[in-house]
Amino acid sequence: MRNRGCHDSSAELWDELLNREYGPLNDGDGIDPYHHEEMARNYVGAISEALASWHGGQLPEQHYKDLAWGGPMGTRTYQQMSDLTPEDRERIAERNDA
């Protein structure tokens, strides 16, 4: 017997999290914008920390943050993030294109 609220897969769990955070995900744009928003808001920091740990922290912290932004780079969420300046976006692009 399955517990109420349990999910069969991580994809179902992720979709449920997004539904609870953003409401019904049937606005015509699909689910991708919500995935990108959630990743940008909550996981760029964790990814940059993991990269720094894996690399032994040999470079400045900003280097790893810029690499972590490579995932959502090019998405609408990335373009609309107000806390990223044009200089930040240029630096992030250059680091991720290197």
N, C-alpha and C. Protein backbone atom coordinates (compact mmCIF):
# COMPACT_ATOMS: atom_id res chain seq x y z
N MET A 1 0.84 -1.17 0.00
CA MET A 1 0.00 0.00 0.00
C MET A 1 0.89 1.24 0.00
N ARG A 2 0.63 2.13 -0.90
CA ARG A 2 1.42 3.35 -1.04
C ARG A 2 0.93 4.42 -0.07
N ASN A 3 1.88 5.11 0.57
CA ASN A 3 1.51 6.20 1.47
C ASN A 3 0.96 7.37 0.68
N ARG A 4 -0.04 8.00 1.23
CA ARG A 4 -0.60 9.18 0.58
C ARG A 4 0.48 10.26 0.48
N GLY A 5 0.61 10.85 -0.69
CA GLY A 5 1.61 11.89 -0.88
C GLY A 5 2.95 11.37 -1.37
N CYS A 6 3.11 10.05 -1.45
CA CYS A 6 4.37 9.50 -1.96
C CYS A 6 4.36 9.56 -3.48
N HIS A 7 5.54 9.62 -4.04
CA HIS A 7 5.67 9.72 -5.49
C HIS A 7 6.48 8.56 -6.02
N ASP A 8 6.18 8.17 -7.24
CA ASP A 8 6.87 7.07 -7.87
C ASP A 8 8.26 7.45 -8.38
N SER A 9 8.47 8.71 -8.68
CA SER A 9 9.74 9.10 -9.26
C SER A 9 10.15 10.49 -8.80
N SER A 10 11.42 10.78 -8.99
CA SER A 10 11.90 12.12 -8.64
C SER A 10 11.25 13.16 -9.54
N ALA A 11 10.92 12.80 -10.77
CA ALA A 11 10.25 13.74 -11.68
C ALA A 11 8.89 14.14 -11.14
N GLU A 12 8.15 13.17 -10.62
CA GLU A 12 6.84 13.48 -10.03
C GLU A 12 7.00 14.36 -8.79
N LEU A 13 7.99 14.06 -7.99
CA LEU A 13 8.24 14.86 -6.79
C LEU A 13 8.61 16.29 -7.17
N TRP A 14 9.47 16.44 -8.19
CA TRP A 14 9.88 17.76 -8.66
C TRP A 14 8.67 18.54 -9.19
N ASP A 15 7.82 17.90 -9.99
CA ASP A 15 6.64 18.56 -10.53
C ASP A 15 5.69 18.98 -9.40
N GLU A 16 5.56 18.15 -8.40
CA GLU A 16 4.70 18.49 -7.26
C GLU A 16 5.26 19.70 -6.50
N LEU A 17 6.56 19.75 -6.33
CA LEU A 17 7.18 20.90 -5.68
C LEU A 17 6.89 22.17 -6.47
N LEU A 18 7.03 22.12 -7.78
CA LEU A 18 6.77 23.29 -8.62
C LEU A 18 5.30 23.68 -8.58
N ASN A 19 4.40 22.70 -8.58
CA ASN A 19 2.97 22.99 -8.49
C ASN A 19 2.65 23.72 -7.19
N ARG A 20 3.25 23.28 -6.10
CA ARG A 20 3.00 23.92 -4.80
C ARG A 20 3.60 25.32 -4.74
N GLU A 21 4.74 25.50 -5.35
CA GLU A 21 5.44 26.79 -5.32
C GLU A 21 4.80 27.81 -6.25
N TYR A 22 4.41 27.39 -7.46
CA TYR A 22 3.98 28.33 -8.49
C TYR A 22 2.52 28.18 -8.92
N GLY A 23 1.84 27.18 -8.40
CA GLY A 23 0.46 26.95 -8.81
C GLY A 23 0.41 26.02 -10.01
N PRO A 24 -0.78 25.83 -10.59
CA PRO A 24 -0.91 24.93 -11.74
C PRO A 24 0.02 25.34 -12.88
N LEU A 25 0.67 24.36 -13.46
CA LEU A 25 1.69 24.62 -14.48
C LEU A 25 1.15 24.40 -15.88
N ASN A 26 0.03 24.97 -16.17
CA ASN A 26 -0.57 24.80 -17.50
C ASN A 26 -0.85 26.16 -18.14
N ASP A 27 0.15 27.04 -18.12
CA ASP A 27 -0.04 28.39 -18.64
C ASP A 27 0.31 28.51 -20.12
N GLY A 28 0.55 27.41 -20.80
CA GLY A 28 0.88 27.44 -22.22
C GLY A 28 2.36 27.45 -22.50
N ASP A 29 3.20 27.82 -21.54
CA ASP A 29 4.65 27.84 -21.73
C ASP A 29 5.29 26.51 -21.36
N GLY A 30 4.51 25.60 -20.83
CA GLY A 30 5.08 24.34 -20.37
C GLY A 30 5.72 24.52 -19.01
N ILE A 31 6.44 23.51 -18.59
CA ILE A 31 7.00 23.49 -17.25
C ILE A 31 8.42 24.04 -17.18
N ASP A 32 9.11 24.15 -18.30
CA ASP A 32 10.50 24.58 -18.31
C ASP A 32 10.77 25.89 -17.59
N PRO A 33 9.97 26.95 -17.82
CA PRO A 33 10.27 28.20 -17.11
C PRO A 33 10.28 28.04 -15.59
N TYR A 34 9.43 27.17 -15.08
CA TYR A 34 9.37 26.95 -13.64
C TYR A 34 10.59 26.18 -13.15
N HIS A 35 11.02 25.21 -13.94
CA HIS A 35 12.25 24.48 -13.59
C HIS A 35 13.42 25.45 -13.52
N HIS A 36 13.55 26.30 -14.53
CA HIS A 36 14.67 27.23 -14.57
C HIS A 36 14.62 28.22 -13.41
N GLU A 37 13.43 28.70 -13.10
CA GLU A 37 13.27 29.64 -11.98
C GLU A 37 13.70 28.98 -10.67
N GLU A 38 13.23 27.78 -10.44
CA GLU A 38 13.57 27.07 -9.20
C GLU A 38 15.06 26.80 -9.12
N MET A 39 15.66 26.38 -10.21
CA MET A 39 17.11 26.12 -10.22
C MET A 39 17.89 27.41 -9.95
N ALA A 40 17.50 28.48 -10.61
CA ALA A 40 18.21 29.75 -10.43
C ALA A 40 18.08 30.26 -9.00
N ARG A 41 16.90 30.16 -8.44
CA ARG A 41 16.68 30.70 -7.09
C ARG A 41 17.32 29.86 -6.00
N ASN A 42 17.34 28.55 -6.19
CA ASN A 42 17.72 27.69 -5.07
C ASN A 42 18.95 26.82 -5.25
N TYR A 43 19.44 26.67 -6.47
CA TYR A 43 20.51 25.70 -6.66
C TYR A 43 21.81 26.24 -7.22
N VAL A 44 21.84 27.46 -7.74
CA VAL A 44 23.09 28.01 -8.26
C VAL A 44 24.14 28.05 -7.15
N GLY A 45 23.74 28.47 -5.95
CA GLY A 45 24.67 28.51 -4.82
C GLY A 45 25.21 27.13 -4.46
N ALA A 46 24.33 26.16 -4.40
CA ALA A 46 24.76 24.80 -4.06
C ALA A 46 25.67 24.21 -5.13
N ILE A 47 25.35 24.49 -6.39
CA ILE A 47 26.19 23.97 -7.48
C ILE A 47 27.56 24.63 -7.44
N SER A 48 27.61 25.94 -7.17
CA SER A 48 28.92 26.61 -7.11
C SER A 48 29.75 26.07 -5.95
N GLU A 49 29.13 25.80 -4.82
CA GLU A 49 29.85 25.21 -3.68
C GLU A 49 30.37 23.82 -4.01
N ALA A 50 29.56 23.03 -4.71
CA ALA A 50 29.99 21.69 -5.09
C ALA A 50 31.17 21.75 -6.07
N LEU A 51 31.10 22.68 -7.02
CA LEU A 51 32.21 22.84 -7.97
C LEU A 51 33.49 23.23 -7.25
N ALA A 52 33.38 24.18 -6.31
CA ALA A 52 34.55 24.63 -5.55
C ALA A 52 35.14 23.48 -4.74
N SER A 53 34.28 22.69 -4.12
CA SER A 53 34.74 21.55 -3.32
C SER A 53 35.44 20.52 -4.20
N TRP A 54 34.82 20.20 -5.34
CA TRP A 54 35.39 19.22 -6.25
C TRP A 54 36.74 19.69 -6.79
N HIS A 55 36.87 20.99 -7.02
CA HIS A 55 38.09 21.56 -7.60
C HIS A 55 39.10 21.95 -6.53
N GLY A 56 38.76 21.74 -5.28
CA GLY A 56 39.68 22.07 -4.19
C GLY A 56 39.75 23.55 -3.88
N GLY A 57 38.77 24.33 -4.34
CA GLY A 57 38.72 25.75 -4.06
C GLY A 57 39.94 26.52 -4.53
N GLN A 58 40.52 26.09 -5.64
CA GLN A 58 41.75 26.69 -6.14
C GLN A 58 41.54 28.08 -6.76
N LEU A 59 40.30 28.41 -7.08
CA LEU A 59 39.99 29.68 -7.74
C LEU A 59 39.07 30.51 -6.85
N PRO A 60 38.92 31.81 -7.14
CA PRO A 60 38.01 32.64 -6.35
C PRO A 60 36.57 32.13 -6.40
N GLU A 61 35.84 32.38 -5.34
CA GLU A 61 34.45 31.91 -5.23
C GLU A 61 33.60 32.37 -6.42
N GLN A 62 33.84 33.58 -6.91
CA GLN A 62 33.05 34.11 -8.03
C GLN A 62 33.19 33.25 -9.27
N HIS A 63 34.36 32.65 -9.46
CA HIS A 63 34.58 31.79 -10.62
C HIS A 63 33.59 30.63 -10.61
N TYR A 64 33.43 29.99 -9.47
CA TYR A 64 32.52 28.84 -9.36
C TYR A 64 31.06 29.28 -9.49
N LYS A 65 30.71 30.45 -8.95
CA LYS A 65 29.34 30.97 -9.11
C LYS A 65 29.03 31.21 -10.58
N ASP A 66 29.99 31.80 -11.28
CA ASP A 66 29.78 32.06 -12.71
C ASP A 66 29.59 30.76 -13.48
N LEU A 67 30.35 29.74 -13.15
CA LEU A 67 30.18 28.45 -13.83
C LEU A 67 28.81 27.85 -13.52
N ALA A 68 28.36 28.01 -12.27
CA ALA A 68 27.05 27.47 -11.89
C ALA A 68 25.92 28.16 -12.65
N TRP A 69 26.09 29.42 -13.00
CA TRP A 69 25.08 30.13 -13.78
C TRP A 69 25.05 29.63 -15.22
N GLY A 70 26.01 28.83 -15.64
CA GLY A 70 26.03 28.29 -17.00
C GLY A 70 24.82 27.44 -17.32
N GLY A 71 24.25 26.77 -16.32
CA GLY A 71 23.07 25.93 -16.55
C GLY A 71 21.87 26.72 -17.02
N PRO A 72 21.44 27.73 -16.26
CA PRO A 72 20.28 28.50 -16.70
C PRO A 72 20.60 29.60 -17.71
N MET A 73 21.88 29.79 -18.04
CA MET A 73 22.25 30.84 -18.99
C MET A 73 21.52 30.62 -20.32
N GLY A 74 20.98 31.68 -20.87
CA GLY A 74 20.25 31.59 -22.11
C GLY A 74 18.76 31.36 -21.95
N THR A 75 18.32 31.07 -20.73
CA THR A 75 16.88 30.88 -20.49
C THR A 75 16.23 32.23 -20.19
N ARG A 76 14.93 32.27 -20.30
CA ARG A 76 14.19 33.50 -19.98
C ARG A 76 14.42 33.89 -18.52
N THR A 77 14.47 32.92 -17.63
CA THR A 77 14.71 33.20 -16.22
C THR A 77 16.04 33.90 -16.03
N TYR A 78 17.07 33.40 -16.68
CA TYR A 78 18.40 34.02 -16.57
C TYR A 78 18.36 35.46 -17.09
N GLN A 79 17.69 35.67 -18.21
CA GLN A 79 17.63 37.01 -18.80
C GLN A 79 16.86 37.98 -17.91
N GLN A 80 15.91 37.48 -17.13
CA GLN A 80 15.06 38.34 -16.32
C GLN A 80 15.55 38.51 -14.89
N MET A 81 16.61 37.82 -14.49
CA MET A 81 17.11 37.94 -13.12
C MET A 81 17.62 39.37 -12.90
N SER A 82 16.97 40.09 -12.02
CA SER A 82 17.30 41.50 -11.83
C SER A 82 18.58 41.70 -11.03
N ASP A 83 19.01 40.69 -10.29
CA ASP A 83 20.21 40.87 -9.48
C ASP A 83 21.50 40.61 -10.27
N LEU A 84 21.39 40.27 -11.55
CA LEU A 84 22.56 40.12 -12.40
C LEU A 84 22.70 41.37 -13.27
N THR A 85 23.83 42.03 -13.14
CA THR A 85 24.08 43.23 -13.94
C THR A 85 24.55 42.83 -15.34
N PRO A 86 24.55 43.75 -16.29
CA PRO A 86 25.10 43.44 -17.60
C PRO A 86 26.56 42.98 -17.52
N GLU A 87 27.31 43.56 -16.59
CA GLU A 87 28.70 43.14 -16.40
C GLU A 87 28.78 41.70 -15.89
N ASP A 88 27.87 41.36 -14.97
CA ASP A 88 27.81 39.97 -14.47
C ASP A 88 27.52 39.02 -15.62
N ARG A 89 26.55 39.34 -16.45
CA ARG A 89 26.16 38.48 -17.56
C ARG A 89 27.31 38.29 -18.55
N GLU A 90 28.03 39.36 -18.80
CA GLU A 90 29.17 39.27 -19.72
C GLU A 90 30.27 38.37 -19.14
N ARG A 91 30.57 38.56 -17.86
CA ARG A 91 31.59 37.74 -17.20
C ARG A 91 31.16 36.26 -17.16
N ILE A 92 29.91 36.02 -16.83
CA ILE A 92 29.39 34.65 -16.78
C ILE A 92 29.49 34.00 -18.15
N ALA A 93 29.10 34.73 -19.18
CA ALA A 93 29.16 34.18 -20.55
C ALA A 93 30.60 33.87 -20.94
N GLU A 94 31.50 34.76 -20.66
CA GLU A 94 32.91 34.53 -21.01
C GLU A 94 33.48 33.32 -20.28
N ARG A 95 33.15 33.19 -18.99
CA ARG A 95 33.65 32.04 -18.23
C ARG A 95 33.10 30.72 -18.75
N ASN A 96 31.83 30.73 -19.10
CA ASN A 96 31.21 29.49 -19.56
C ASN A 96 31.56 29.15 -21.00
N ASP A 97 32.02 30.13 -21.75
CA ASP A 97 32.43 29.88 -23.14
C ASP A 97 33.89 29.49 -23.24
N ALA A 98 34.64 29.65 -22.14
CA ALA A 98 36.09 29.37 -22.16
C ALA A 98 36.38 27.90 -22.32
